[in-house]
Amino acid sequence: MRDKQSLPLIWLLSDARNDAQLEQALADLPRGSGFVFRHYHLPPDARRARFDTLAACARRRGHAVVLAGTQDWGADGRYGAPERLGPGLRLATAHDRAEIEAALAARADGIFLSPVFPTASHPGASTLGSAGFHALARLSSVPVIALGGMTAARARDLGWPRWGAIDGLASTKAA
């Protein structure tokens, strides 16, 4: 397992929207990036088969493979709400101060903090914006991964090295 400070800088998250581009997106990511397999939309058997295919693609590029859910499919770790994190690399989701505190109490190795910017995942939802993101990220003693409307350009504008995306990485190469 990676130590907390060596978490990948760039993370691709899977979704029904980006499924058709995932193999290419995984190949385009910088070697040693991270991949979070979600695919909540698939029934269990199809979800497992898709996980196996994508995990193999990710591992060929040296990417960390993290699974949303409680299954034990040989992933490097788990992604989700703090109370659902399992063995291995533990990546929690947070949207506010209370959720950051819960993630830290659950001994998360990293926190996906969102939504930083408007996102197709949650249209019309309020966002943290740059100032709100930085204020909350400073509360964490573990690495924070910016999520929500992120692209390489937005990560540079945000001045934040760790970021993840669904759409922002599935259609273009990470820069």
N, C-alpha and C. Protein backbone atom coordinates (compact mmCIF):
# COMPACT_ATOMS: atom_id res chain seq x y z
N MET A 1 0.84 -1.18 0.00
CA MET A 1 0.00 0.00 0.00
C MET A 1 0.89 1.25 0.00
N ARG A 2 0.46 2.26 -0.72
CA ARG A 2 1.19 3.52 -0.79
C ARG A 2 1.07 4.27 0.53
N ASP A 3 2.11 5.04 0.87
CA ASP A 3 1.95 5.89 2.04
C ASP A 3 1.12 7.11 1.65
N LYS A 4 0.60 7.81 2.65
CA LYS A 4 -0.34 8.90 2.41
C LYS A 4 0.21 9.99 1.51
N GLN A 5 1.47 10.32 1.66
CA GLN A 5 2.03 11.41 0.86
C GLN A 5 2.38 10.98 -0.56
N SER A 6 2.36 9.68 -0.83
CA SER A 6 2.66 9.23 -2.18
C SER A 6 1.40 8.88 -2.97
N LEU A 7 0.26 9.35 -2.49
CA LEU A 7 -0.97 9.13 -3.26
C LEU A 7 -0.81 9.73 -4.65
N PRO A 8 -1.36 9.07 -5.66
CA PRO A 8 -1.29 9.65 -7.00
C PRO A 8 -1.86 11.07 -7.03
N LEU A 9 -1.34 11.85 -7.96
CA LEU A 9 -1.81 13.22 -8.10
C LEU A 9 -3.08 13.32 -8.93
N ILE A 10 -3.26 12.44 -9.90
CA ILE A 10 -4.41 12.51 -10.79
C ILE A 10 -5.23 11.23 -10.66
N TRP A 11 -6.56 11.41 -10.56
CA TRP A 11 -7.48 10.30 -10.36
C TRP A 11 -8.60 10.34 -11.39
N LEU A 12 -8.83 9.23 -12.06
CA LEU A 12 -9.96 9.06 -12.97
C LEU A 12 -11.03 8.28 -12.23
N LEU A 13 -12.25 8.80 -12.22
CA LEU A 13 -13.37 8.10 -11.59
C LEU A 13 -14.30 7.58 -12.68
N SER A 14 -14.76 6.35 -12.54
CA SER A 14 -15.64 5.77 -13.55
C SER A 14 -17.09 6.15 -13.28
N ASP A 15 -17.87 6.14 -14.36
CA ASP A 15 -19.28 6.52 -14.30
C ASP A 15 -19.93 5.98 -15.58
N ALA A 16 -21.24 5.89 -15.58
CA ALA A 16 -21.93 5.46 -16.80
C ALA A 16 -21.62 6.42 -17.95
N ARG A 17 -21.44 7.70 -17.65
CA ARG A 17 -21.20 8.71 -18.70
C ARG A 17 -19.87 8.49 -19.43
N ASN A 18 -18.86 8.01 -18.72
CA ASN A 18 -17.54 7.91 -19.36
C ASN A 18 -17.13 6.47 -19.68
N ASP A 19 -18.04 5.53 -19.53
CA ASP A 19 -17.69 4.12 -19.68
C ASP A 19 -17.04 3.80 -21.02
N ALA A 20 -17.56 4.33 -22.11
CA ALA A 20 -17.04 3.99 -23.44
C ALA A 20 -15.62 4.49 -23.67
N GLN A 21 -15.18 5.48 -22.90
CA GLN A 21 -13.84 6.06 -23.09
C GLN A 21 -12.82 5.57 -22.05
N LEU A 22 -13.21 4.71 -21.14
CA LEU A 22 -12.34 4.40 -20.01
C LEU A 22 -11.03 3.71 -20.38
N GLU A 23 -11.06 2.76 -21.28
CA GLU A 23 -9.80 2.09 -21.63
C GLU A 23 -8.80 3.09 -22.18
N GLN A 24 -9.26 3.96 -23.08
CA GLN A 24 -8.36 4.96 -23.66
C GLN A 24 -7.93 5.97 -22.60
N ALA A 25 -8.87 6.39 -21.75
CA ALA A 25 -8.53 7.36 -20.70
C ALA A 25 -7.48 6.79 -19.75
N LEU A 26 -7.60 5.52 -19.39
CA LEU A 26 -6.61 4.90 -18.52
C LEU A 26 -5.24 4.84 -19.20
N ALA A 27 -5.23 4.58 -20.49
CA ALA A 27 -3.97 4.55 -21.23
C ALA A 27 -3.34 5.94 -21.32
N ASP A 28 -4.18 6.98 -21.37
CA ASP A 28 -3.69 8.35 -21.52
C ASP A 28 -3.22 8.98 -20.21
N LEU A 29 -3.67 8.45 -19.08
CA LEU A 29 -3.26 9.03 -17.79
C LEU A 29 -1.75 8.88 -17.59
N PRO A 30 -1.13 9.82 -16.90
CA PRO A 30 0.29 9.64 -16.57
C PRO A 30 0.49 8.36 -15.76
N ARG A 31 1.56 7.65 -16.05
CA ARG A 31 1.86 6.41 -15.33
C ARG A 31 1.82 6.66 -13.82
N GLY A 32 1.20 5.73 -13.09
CA GLY A 32 1.14 5.85 -11.64
C GLY A 32 0.02 6.75 -11.13
N SER A 33 -0.97 7.01 -11.96
CA SER A 33 -2.14 7.79 -11.53
C SER A 33 -3.06 6.87 -10.73
N GLY A 34 -4.25 7.35 -10.43
CA GLY A 34 -5.22 6.55 -9.68
C GLY A 34 -6.50 6.37 -10.46
N PHE A 35 -7.17 5.25 -10.21
CA PHE A 35 -8.44 4.94 -10.85
C PHE A 35 -9.43 4.49 -9.79
N VAL A 36 -10.59 5.16 -9.74
CA VAL A 36 -11.66 4.78 -8.83
C VAL A 36 -12.79 4.17 -9.65
N PHE A 37 -13.04 2.90 -9.43
CA PHE A 37 -14.12 2.21 -10.13
C PHE A 37 -15.39 2.34 -9.33
N ARG A 38 -16.39 3.00 -9.95
CA ARG A 38 -17.69 3.16 -9.31
C ARG A 38 -18.73 2.31 -10.03
N HIS A 39 -19.14 2.67 -11.20
CA HIS A 39 -20.08 1.90 -12.03
C HIS A 39 -21.27 1.36 -11.24
N TYR A 40 -21.88 2.25 -10.48
CA TYR A 40 -23.05 1.88 -9.67
C TYR A 40 -24.22 1.44 -10.53
N HIS A 41 -24.23 1.82 -11.80
CA HIS A 41 -25.35 1.56 -12.69
C HIS A 41 -25.45 0.11 -13.16
N LEU A 42 -24.40 -0.67 -12.98
CA LEU A 42 -24.40 -2.03 -13.50
C LEU A 42 -24.90 -3.04 -12.47
N PRO A 43 -25.57 -4.10 -12.94
CA PRO A 43 -25.93 -5.20 -12.02
C PRO A 43 -24.65 -5.89 -11.54
N PRO A 44 -24.71 -6.61 -10.43
CA PRO A 44 -23.49 -7.15 -9.80
C PRO A 44 -22.56 -7.94 -10.71
N ASP A 45 -23.06 -8.87 -11.50
CA ASP A 45 -22.17 -9.69 -12.34
C ASP A 45 -21.50 -8.85 -13.43
N ALA A 46 -22.24 -7.96 -14.04
CA ALA A 46 -21.68 -7.10 -15.08
C ALA A 46 -20.70 -6.10 -14.46
N ARG A 47 -21.00 -5.63 -13.26
CA ARG A 47 -20.10 -4.70 -12.57
C ARG A 47 -18.76 -5.38 -12.29
N ARG A 48 -18.81 -6.61 -11.81
CA ARG A 48 -17.57 -7.34 -11.53
C ARG A 48 -16.75 -7.56 -12.79
N ALA A 49 -17.41 -7.93 -13.88
CA ALA A 49 -16.70 -8.17 -15.13
C ALA A 49 -16.06 -6.88 -15.64
N ARG A 50 -16.78 -5.78 -15.54
CA ARG A 50 -16.22 -4.50 -16.00
C ARG A 50 -15.07 -4.08 -15.12
N PHE A 51 -15.19 -4.30 -13.81
CA PHE A 51 -14.09 -4.00 -12.89
C PHE A 51 -12.84 -4.77 -13.29
N ASP A 52 -12.98 -6.06 -13.51
CA ASP A 52 -11.81 -6.89 -13.86
C ASP A 52 -11.13 -6.37 -15.12
N THR A 53 -11.90 -6.01 -16.13
CA THR A 53 -11.34 -5.49 -17.39
C THR A 53 -10.60 -4.18 -17.16
N LEU A 54 -11.25 -3.25 -16.48
CA LEU A 54 -10.65 -1.93 -16.28
C LEU A 54 -9.49 -1.96 -15.29
N ALA A 55 -9.59 -2.80 -14.27
CA ALA A 55 -8.48 -2.92 -13.32
C ALA A 55 -7.23 -3.43 -14.03
N ALA A 56 -7.39 -4.38 -14.93
CA ALA A 56 -6.25 -4.90 -15.69
C ALA A 56 -5.64 -3.79 -16.55
N CYS A 57 -6.47 -2.99 -17.20
CA CYS A 57 -5.97 -1.85 -18.00
C CYS A 57 -5.20 -0.88 -17.12
N ALA A 58 -5.77 -0.56 -15.97
CA ALA A 58 -5.14 0.39 -15.05
C ALA A 58 -3.80 -0.14 -14.54
N ARG A 59 -3.76 -1.38 -14.17
CA ARG A 59 -2.52 -1.95 -13.61
C ARG A 59 -1.40 -2.04 -14.64
N ARG A 60 -1.75 -2.22 -15.90
CA ARG A 60 -0.73 -2.21 -16.95
C ARG A 60 0.00 -0.87 -17.00
N ARG A 61 -0.64 0.19 -16.56
CA ARG A 61 -0.03 1.53 -16.55
C ARG A 61 0.48 1.91 -15.15
N GLY A 62 0.42 0.98 -14.22
CA GLY A 62 0.92 1.25 -12.88
C GLY A 62 0.01 2.12 -12.04
N HIS A 63 -1.28 2.19 -12.40
CA HIS A 63 -2.23 3.01 -11.66
C HIS A 63 -2.73 2.28 -10.40
N ALA A 64 -2.98 3.04 -9.36
CA ALA A 64 -3.65 2.50 -8.18
C ALA A 64 -5.11 2.24 -8.56
N VAL A 65 -5.67 1.13 -8.10
CA VAL A 65 -7.05 0.76 -8.41
C VAL A 65 -7.83 0.73 -7.11
N VAL A 66 -8.84 1.60 -7.04
CA VAL A 66 -9.65 1.73 -5.83
C VAL A 66 -11.10 1.45 -6.21
N LEU A 67 -11.79 0.75 -5.33
CA LEU A 67 -13.15 0.30 -5.60
C LEU A 67 -14.16 1.00 -4.69
N ALA A 68 -15.23 1.50 -5.28
CA ALA A 68 -16.36 1.99 -4.49
C ALA A 68 -17.22 0.79 -4.15
N GLY A 69 -17.49 0.61 -2.88
CA GLY A 69 -18.30 -0.53 -2.45
C GLY A 69 -17.55 -1.38 -1.46
N THR A 70 -18.20 -2.42 -1.03
CA THR A 70 -17.64 -3.26 0.03
C THR A 70 -17.12 -4.59 -0.50
N GLN A 71 -17.16 -4.79 -1.81
CA GLN A 71 -16.70 -6.05 -2.38
C GLN A 71 -15.19 -6.18 -2.19
N ASP A 72 -14.72 -7.43 -2.17
CA ASP A 72 -13.29 -7.69 -2.09
C ASP A 72 -12.86 -8.30 -3.41
N TRP A 73 -12.55 -7.43 -4.36
CA TRP A 73 -12.20 -7.88 -5.71
C TRP A 73 -10.73 -7.67 -6.01
N GLY A 74 -9.91 -7.54 -5.00
CA GLY A 74 -8.49 -7.38 -5.22
C GLY A 74 -8.06 -5.96 -5.54
N ALA A 75 -8.90 -4.99 -5.20
CA ALA A 75 -8.53 -3.58 -5.41
C ALA A 75 -7.47 -3.18 -4.39
N ASP A 76 -6.79 -2.08 -4.69
CA ASP A 76 -5.78 -1.55 -3.77
C ASP A 76 -6.40 -0.86 -2.57
N GLY A 77 -7.69 -0.53 -2.67
CA GLY A 77 -8.35 0.14 -1.56
C GLY A 77 -9.81 0.42 -1.85
N ARG A 78 -10.41 1.22 -0.99
CA ARG A 78 -11.85 1.54 -1.05
C ARG A 78 -12.07 3.05 -1.11
N TYR A 79 -13.20 3.41 -1.74
CA TYR A 79 -13.61 4.80 -1.93
C TYR A 79 -15.05 4.94 -1.44
N GLY A 80 -15.33 6.03 -0.73
CA GLY A 80 -16.72 6.29 -0.36
C GLY A 80 -16.84 7.03 0.95
N ALA A 81 -18.03 6.95 1.51
CA ALA A 81 -18.29 7.58 2.80
C ALA A 81 -17.39 6.93 3.85
N PRO A 82 -16.95 7.70 4.83
CA PRO A 82 -16.00 7.18 5.83
C PRO A 82 -16.44 5.87 6.49
N GLU A 83 -17.72 5.72 6.76
CA GLU A 83 -18.18 4.51 7.44
C GLU A 83 -18.14 3.28 6.54
N ARG A 84 -17.89 3.46 5.25
CA ARG A 84 -17.88 2.33 4.32
C ARG A 84 -16.48 1.95 3.86
N LEU A 85 -15.45 2.61 4.38
CA LEU A 85 -14.09 2.32 3.95
C LEU A 85 -13.64 0.98 4.51
N GLY A 86 -12.92 0.24 3.70
CA GLY A 86 -12.46 -1.08 4.11
C GLY A 86 -10.95 -1.14 4.16
N PRO A 87 -10.40 -2.32 3.92
CA PRO A 87 -8.95 -2.51 3.99
C PRO A 87 -8.24 -1.85 2.82
N GLY A 88 -6.95 -1.68 2.95
CA GLY A 88 -6.13 -1.09 1.90
C GLY A 88 -6.18 0.42 1.94
N LEU A 89 -5.95 1.03 0.81
CA LEU A 89 -5.99 2.47 0.67
C LEU A 89 -7.41 2.95 0.92
N ARG A 90 -7.57 3.93 1.81
CA ARG A 90 -8.91 4.37 2.24
C ARG A 90 -9.13 5.81 1.79
N LEU A 91 -9.97 5.98 0.76
CA LEU A 91 -10.23 7.30 0.20
C LEU A 91 -11.67 7.70 0.46
N ALA A 92 -11.85 8.68 1.31
CA ALA A 92 -13.18 9.12 1.72
C ALA A 92 -13.67 10.26 0.83
N THR A 93 -14.97 10.41 0.80
CA THR A 93 -15.58 11.54 0.13
C THR A 93 -16.04 12.55 1.18
N ALA A 94 -15.93 13.83 0.85
CA ALA A 94 -16.37 14.88 1.78
C ALA A 94 -16.84 16.09 0.98
N HIS A 95 -17.78 16.80 1.58
CA HIS A 95 -18.36 17.99 0.95
C HIS A 95 -18.36 19.19 1.89
N ASP A 96 -18.02 18.96 3.15
CA ASP A 96 -18.05 20.03 4.13
C ASP A 96 -17.14 19.68 5.31
N ARG A 97 -17.08 20.59 6.28
CA ARG A 97 -16.21 20.41 7.45
C ARG A 97 -16.55 19.13 8.23
N ALA A 98 -17.83 18.89 8.48
CA ALA A 98 -18.23 17.71 9.26
C ALA A 98 -17.79 16.42 8.57
N GLU A 99 -17.90 16.37 7.26
CA GLU A 99 -17.50 15.16 6.55
C GLU A 99 -15.99 15.00 6.51
N ILE A 100 -15.24 16.10 6.48
CA ILE A 100 -13.78 16.00 6.59
C ILE A 100 -13.41 15.45 7.96
N GLU A 101 -14.04 15.96 8.99
CA GLU A 101 -13.77 15.46 10.34
C GLU A 101 -14.12 13.99 10.47
N ALA A 102 -15.22 13.56 9.85
CA ALA A 102 -15.60 12.14 9.89
C ALA A 102 -14.57 11.29 9.15
N ALA A 103 -14.08 11.79 8.01
CA ALA A 103 -13.07 11.06 7.25
C ALA A 103 -11.78 10.91 8.06
N LEU A 104 -11.38 11.98 8.73
CA LEU A 104 -10.17 11.91 9.55
C LEU A 104 -10.36 10.97 10.72
N ALA A 105 -11.53 11.00 11.34
CA ALA A 105 -11.82 10.10 12.46
C ALA A 105 -11.81 8.64 12.01
N ALA A 106 -12.19 8.40 10.76
CA ALA A 106 -12.21 7.04 10.21
C ALA A 106 -10.84 6.61 9.69
N ARG A 107 -9.84 7.48 9.86
CA ARG A 107 -8.47 7.22 9.43
C ARG A 107 -8.34 7.04 7.91
N ALA A 108 -9.01 7.92 7.18
CA ALA A 108 -8.87 7.91 5.73
C ALA A 108 -7.44 8.27 5.36
N ASP A 109 -6.96 7.71 4.26
CA ASP A 109 -5.62 8.03 3.75
C ASP A 109 -5.64 9.25 2.85
N GLY A 110 -6.81 9.58 2.34
CA GLY A 110 -6.99 10.73 1.48
C GLY A 110 -8.46 11.07 1.42
N ILE A 111 -8.75 12.31 1.00
CA ILE A 111 -10.14 12.77 0.96
C ILE A 111 -10.42 13.42 -0.40
N PHE A 112 -11.45 12.93 -1.08
CA PHE A 112 -11.97 13.59 -2.27
C PHE A 112 -12.92 14.67 -1.79
N LEU A 113 -12.57 15.94 -2.00
CA LEU A 113 -13.37 17.07 -1.54
C LEU A 113 -14.08 17.67 -2.75
N SER A 114 -15.41 17.75 -2.67
CA SER A 114 -16.19 18.21 -3.82
C SER A 114 -17.52 18.84 -3.40
N PRO A 115 -18.22 19.45 -4.38
CA PRO A 115 -17.75 19.80 -5.71
C PRO A 115 -17.04 21.16 -5.70
N VAL A 116 -15.87 21.19 -6.29
CA VAL A 116 -15.12 22.44 -6.35
C VAL A 116 -15.78 23.39 -7.33
N PHE A 117 -16.14 22.90 -8.51
CA PHE A 117 -16.75 23.69 -9.58
C PHE A 117 -18.04 23.02 -10.02
N PRO A 118 -18.85 23.70 -10.83
CA PRO A 118 -20.06 23.05 -11.35
C PRO A 118 -19.71 21.75 -12.06
N THR A 119 -20.56 20.77 -11.89
CA THR A 119 -20.27 19.44 -12.42
C THR A 119 -21.51 18.79 -13.00
N ALA A 120 -21.32 17.99 -14.03
CA ALA A 120 -22.43 17.27 -14.65
C ALA A 120 -23.01 16.22 -13.70
N SER A 121 -22.24 15.78 -12.72
CA SER A 121 -22.72 14.77 -11.77
C SER A 121 -23.82 15.31 -10.87
N HIS A 122 -23.75 16.60 -10.57
CA HIS A 122 -24.73 17.23 -9.69
C HIS A 122 -25.11 18.59 -10.25
N PRO A 123 -25.87 18.61 -11.36
CA PRO A 123 -26.19 19.89 -11.98
C PRO A 123 -26.96 20.81 -11.03
N GLY A 124 -26.54 22.05 -10.99
CA GLY A 124 -27.22 23.04 -10.16
C GLY A 124 -26.83 23.01 -8.69
N ALA A 125 -26.01 22.07 -8.27
CA ALA A 125 -25.60 21.99 -6.87
C ALA A 125 -24.67 23.16 -6.54
N SER A 126 -24.70 23.60 -5.30
CA SER A 126 -23.77 24.65 -4.90
C SER A 126 -22.36 24.07 -4.90
N THR A 127 -21.38 24.94 -5.17
CA THR A 127 -20.00 24.50 -5.25
C THR A 127 -19.16 25.20 -4.19
N LEU A 128 -18.00 24.63 -3.94
CA LEU A 128 -17.08 25.21 -2.97
C LEU A 128 -16.36 26.43 -3.52
N GLY A 129 -16.06 26.41 -4.81
CA GLY A 129 -15.23 27.45 -5.39
C GLY A 129 -13.81 27.35 -4.86
N SER A 130 -12.93 28.15 -5.41
CA SER A 130 -11.52 28.08 -5.03
C SER A 130 -11.31 28.41 -3.55
N ALA A 131 -11.87 29.50 -3.09
CA ALA A 131 -11.66 29.91 -1.69
C ALA A 131 -12.25 28.89 -0.72
N GLY A 132 -13.45 28.41 -1.00
CA GLY A 132 -14.08 27.43 -0.11
C GLY A 132 -13.31 26.12 -0.09
N PHE A 133 -12.85 25.70 -1.26
CA PHE A 133 -12.06 24.47 -1.33
C PHE A 133 -10.80 24.60 -0.49
N HIS A 134 -10.05 25.68 -0.69
CA HIS A 134 -8.79 25.85 0.05
C HIS A 134 -9.03 25.94 1.55
N ALA A 135 -10.09 26.62 1.97
CA ALA A 135 -10.39 26.74 3.40
C ALA A 135 -10.66 25.36 4.01
N LEU A 136 -11.43 24.53 3.31
CA LEU A 136 -11.73 23.20 3.84
C LEU A 136 -10.51 22.27 3.74
N ALA A 137 -9.78 22.36 2.65
CA ALA A 137 -8.61 21.48 2.47
C ALA A 137 -7.58 21.71 3.57
N ARG A 138 -7.46 22.93 4.05
CA ARG A 138 -6.50 23.23 5.13
C ARG A 138 -6.85 22.51 6.43
N LEU A 139 -8.09 22.05 6.57
CA LEU A 139 -8.51 21.34 7.79
C LEU A 139 -8.02 19.90 7.83
N SER A 140 -7.55 19.40 6.72
CA SER A 140 -7.19 17.99 6.62
C SER A 140 -5.72 17.75 6.91
N SER A 141 -5.47 16.69 7.65
CA SER A 141 -4.09 16.26 7.91
C SER A 141 -3.64 15.19 6.91
N VAL A 142 -4.54 14.80 6.01
CA VAL A 142 -4.21 13.83 4.96
C VAL A 142 -4.39 14.51 3.61
N PRO A 143 -3.81 13.95 2.56
CA PRO A 143 -3.95 14.58 1.24
C PRO A 143 -5.41 14.74 0.82
N VAL A 144 -5.68 15.88 0.20
CA VAL A 144 -7.02 16.19 -0.32
C VAL A 144 -6.95 16.17 -1.84
N ILE A 145 -7.95 15.54 -2.44
CA ILE A 145 -8.05 15.43 -3.89
C ILE A 145 -9.25 16.27 -4.33
N ALA A 146 -8.99 17.29 -5.14
CA ALA A 146 -10.06 18.17 -5.63
C ALA A 146 -10.91 17.41 -6.64
N LEU A 147 -12.23 17.52 -6.50
CA LEU A 147 -13.16 16.81 -7.38
C LEU A 147 -14.35 17.71 -7.65
N GLY A 148 -14.90 17.57 -8.83
CA GLY A 148 -16.10 18.33 -9.20
C GLY A 148 -15.78 19.39 -10.23
N GLY A 149 -16.07 19.09 -11.49
CA GLY A 149 -15.81 20.03 -12.56
C GLY A 149 -14.34 20.23 -12.86
N MET A 150 -13.51 19.31 -12.42
CA MET A 150 -12.06 19.47 -12.56
C MET A 150 -11.58 19.07 -13.95
N THR A 151 -10.61 19.82 -14.42
CA THR A 151 -9.83 19.54 -15.62
C THR A 151 -8.39 19.91 -15.28
N ALA A 152 -7.47 19.60 -16.17
CA ALA A 152 -6.08 19.97 -15.93
C ALA A 152 -5.95 21.49 -15.79
N ALA A 153 -6.65 22.23 -16.62
CA ALA A 153 -6.58 23.70 -16.55
C ALA A 153 -7.15 24.22 -15.24
N ARG A 154 -8.25 23.65 -14.80
CA ARG A 154 -8.84 24.10 -13.53
C ARG A 154 -7.94 23.73 -12.35
N ALA A 155 -7.30 22.58 -12.41
CA ALA A 155 -6.36 22.21 -11.34
C ALA A 155 -5.22 23.22 -11.26
N ARG A 156 -4.70 23.63 -12.41
CA ARG A 156 -3.64 24.65 -12.42
C ARG A 156 -4.16 25.97 -11.86
N ASP A 157 -5.35 26.38 -12.29
CA ASP A 157 -5.94 27.63 -11.78
C ASP A 157 -6.19 27.56 -10.28
N LEU A 158 -6.59 26.39 -9.80
CA LEU A 158 -6.84 26.19 -8.38
C LEU A 158 -5.54 26.16 -7.59
N GLY A 159 -4.44 25.86 -8.28
CA GLY A 159 -3.16 25.75 -7.61
C GLY A 159 -3.08 24.51 -6.72
N TRP A 160 -3.72 23.42 -7.19
CA TRP A 160 -3.81 22.21 -6.38
C TRP A 160 -3.27 21.02 -7.16
N PRO A 161 -2.31 20.29 -6.59
CA PRO A 161 -1.68 19.21 -7.36
C PRO A 161 -2.51 17.94 -7.48
N ARG A 162 -3.36 17.64 -6.49
CA ARG A 162 -4.13 16.39 -6.51
C ARG A 162 -5.57 16.69 -6.92
N TRP A 163 -5.99 16.02 -8.00
CA TRP A 163 -7.34 16.24 -8.47
C TRP A 163 -7.85 15.00 -9.19
N GLY A 164 -9.17 14.92 -9.27
CA GLY A 164 -9.80 13.81 -9.96
C GLY A 164 -10.94 14.31 -10.81
N ALA A 165 -11.34 13.48 -11.76
CA ALA A 165 -12.42 13.86 -12.66
C ALA A 165 -13.10 12.63 -13.23
N ILE A 166 -14.30 12.85 -13.69
CA ILE A 166 -15.04 11.85 -14.46
C ILE A 166 -14.94 12.28 -15.92
N ASP A 167 -15.64 13.33 -16.27
CA ASP A 167 -15.63 13.82 -17.65
C ASP A 167 -14.32 14.50 -18.02
N GLY A 168 -13.70 15.19 -17.07
CA GLY A 168 -12.50 15.98 -17.36
C GLY A 168 -11.27 15.17 -17.70
N LEU A 169 -11.32 13.88 -17.54
CA LEU A 169 -10.20 13.01 -17.92
C LEU A 169 -10.58 11.95 -18.95
N ALA A 170 -11.86 11.74 -19.15
CA ALA A 170 -12.27 10.65 -20.04
C ALA A 170 -12.26 11.06 -21.50
N SER A 171 -12.27 12.36 -21.79
CA SER A 171 -12.35 12.74 -23.19
C SER A 171 -11.07 13.38 -23.71
N THR A 172 -10.17 13.74 -22.82
CA THR A 172 -8.91 14.35 -23.25
C THR A 172 -7.77 13.79 -22.44
N LYS A 173 -6.57 13.91 -22.95
CA LYS A 173 -5.40 13.46 -22.21
C LYS A 173 -5.16 14.39 -21.02
N ALA A 174 -4.72 13.82 -19.90
CA ALA A 174 -4.37 14.63 -18.73
C ALA A 174 -3.13 15.44 -19.06
N ALA A 175 -3.19 16.71 -18.77
CA ALA A 175 -2.05 17.57 -19.08
C ALA A 175 -1.34 17.99 -17.83
